[in-house]
Amino acid sequence: GDSGGPMVIQRPRDKRWILAGVISWGIGCAEPNQPGVYTRISEFREWINQILQF
């Protein structure tokens, strides 16, 4: 399935693509009126940076 896939946004100020979320689960694939659930990357940024040693 799509779980673990990226949700990206483009920052208006510099047009860079930023990872905003990771697909957690959903009903079907882009089904109308069905939720897609994502994990918000910003909530885990500190932990991610520690793991990646930034």
C-alpha atoms as a PDB file:
ATOM      1  CA  GLY A   1       0.000   0.000   0.000  1.00  0.00           C
ATOM      2  CA  ASP A   2       0.879   3.651   0.259  1.00  0.00           C
ATOM      3  CA  SER A   3       1.664   3.656   3.999  1.00  0.00           C
ATOM      4  CA  GLY A   4       4.979   5.360   4.689  1.00  0.00           C
ATOM      5  CA  GLY A   5       4.756   7.444   1.523  1.00  0.00           C
ATOM      6  CA  PRO A   6       5.458  11.188   1.572  1.00  0.00           C
ATOM      7  CA  MET A   7       3.113  14.161   1.659  1.00  0.00           C
ATOM      8  CA  VAL A   8       5.062  17.168   0.406  1.00  0.00           C
ATOM      9  CA  ILE A   9       4.327  20.876   0.139  1.00  0.00           C
ATOM     10  CA  GLN A  10       6.115  23.574  -1.817  1.00  0.00           C
ATOM     11  CA  ARG A  11       7.259  26.573   0.216  1.00  0.00           C
ATOM     12  CA  PRO A  12       6.087  29.756  -1.521  1.00  0.00           C
ATOM     13  CA  ARG A  13       9.133  31.857  -0.591  1.00  0.00           C
ATOM     14  CA  ASP A  14      11.799  29.686  -2.226  1.00  0.00           C
ATOM     15  CA  LYS A  15       9.824  26.988  -4.104  1.00  0.00           C
ATOM     16  CA  ARG A  16      11.596  24.206  -2.145  1.00  0.00           C
ATOM     17  CA  TRP A  17       9.685  20.976  -1.625  1.00  0.00           C
ATOM     18  CA  ILE A  18       9.310  20.109   2.071  1.00  0.00           C
ATOM     19  CA  LEU A  19       8.255  16.802   3.642  1.00  0.00           C
ATOM     20  CA  ALA A  20       5.140  17.697   5.649  1.00  0.00           C
ATOM     21  CA  GLY A  21       3.711  14.279   6.448  1.00  0.00           C
ATOM     22  CA  VAL A  22       3.921  10.520   6.059  1.00  0.00           C
ATOM     23  CA  ILE A  23       0.910   8.447   5.051  1.00  0.00           C
ATOM     24  CA  SER A  24      -0.306   6.453   8.053  1.00  0.00           C
ATOM     25  CA  TRP A  25      -3.485   4.871   6.729  1.00  0.00           C
ATOM     26  CA  GLY A  26      -6.585   5.502   4.647  1.00  0.00           C
ATOM     27  CA  ILE A  27      -9.650   3.902   3.151  1.00  0.00           C
ATOM     28  CA  GLY A  28      -8.932   3.004  -0.452  1.00  0.00           C
ATOM     29  CA  CYS A  29      -6.672   5.224  -2.523  1.00  0.00           C
ATOM     30  CA  ALA A  30      -7.835   8.831  -2.922  1.00  0.00           C
ATOM     31  CA  GLU A  31     -11.459   7.772  -2.523  1.00  0.00           C
ATOM     32  CA  PRO A  32     -13.982  10.660  -2.463  1.00  0.00           C
ATOM     33  CA  ASN A  33     -15.294  11.464   1.035  1.00  0.00           C
ATOM     34  CA  GLN A  34     -12.895   8.999   2.660  1.00  0.00           C
ATOM     35  CA  PRO A  35     -10.145  10.111   5.032  1.00  0.00           C
ATOM     36  CA  GLY A  36      -6.443   9.864   4.433  1.00  0.00           C
ATOM     37  CA  VAL A  37      -4.493   9.934   7.705  1.00  0.00           C
ATOM     38  CA  TYR A  38      -0.986  11.385   7.852  1.00  0.00           C
ATOM     39  CA  THR A  39       1.668  11.748  10.544  1.00  0.00           C
ATOM     40  CA  ARG A  40       2.764  15.386  10.921  1.00  0.00           C
ATOM     41  CA  ILE A  41       6.550  15.512  10.464  1.00  0.00           C
ATOM     42  CA  SER A  42       6.976  18.770  12.418  1.00  0.00           C
ATOM     43  CA  GLU A  43       5.878  16.957  15.595  1.00  0.00           C
ATOM     44  CA  PHE A  44       8.880  14.617  15.259  1.00  0.00           C
ATOM     45  CA  ARG A  45      11.509  16.994  13.818  1.00  0.00           C
ATOM     46  CA  GLU A  46      13.667  17.113  16.971  1.00  0.00           C
ATOM     47  CA  TRP A  47      13.727  13.313  17.226  1.00  0.00           C
ATOM     48  CA  ILE A  48      14.446  12.929  13.490  1.00  0.00           C
ATOM     49  CA  ASN A  49      17.333  15.401  13.721  1.00  0.00           C
ATOM     50  CA  GLN A  50      18.790  13.495  16.699  1.00  0.00           C
ATOM     51  CA  ILE A  51      18.636  10.222  14.793  1.00  0.00           C
ATOM     52  CA  LEU A  52      20.201  11.809  11.707  1.00  0.00           C
ATOM     53  CA  GLN A  53      22.711  13.705  13.894  1.00  0.00           C
ATOM     54  CA  PHE A  54      21.989  17.202  12.546  1.00  0.00           C
END
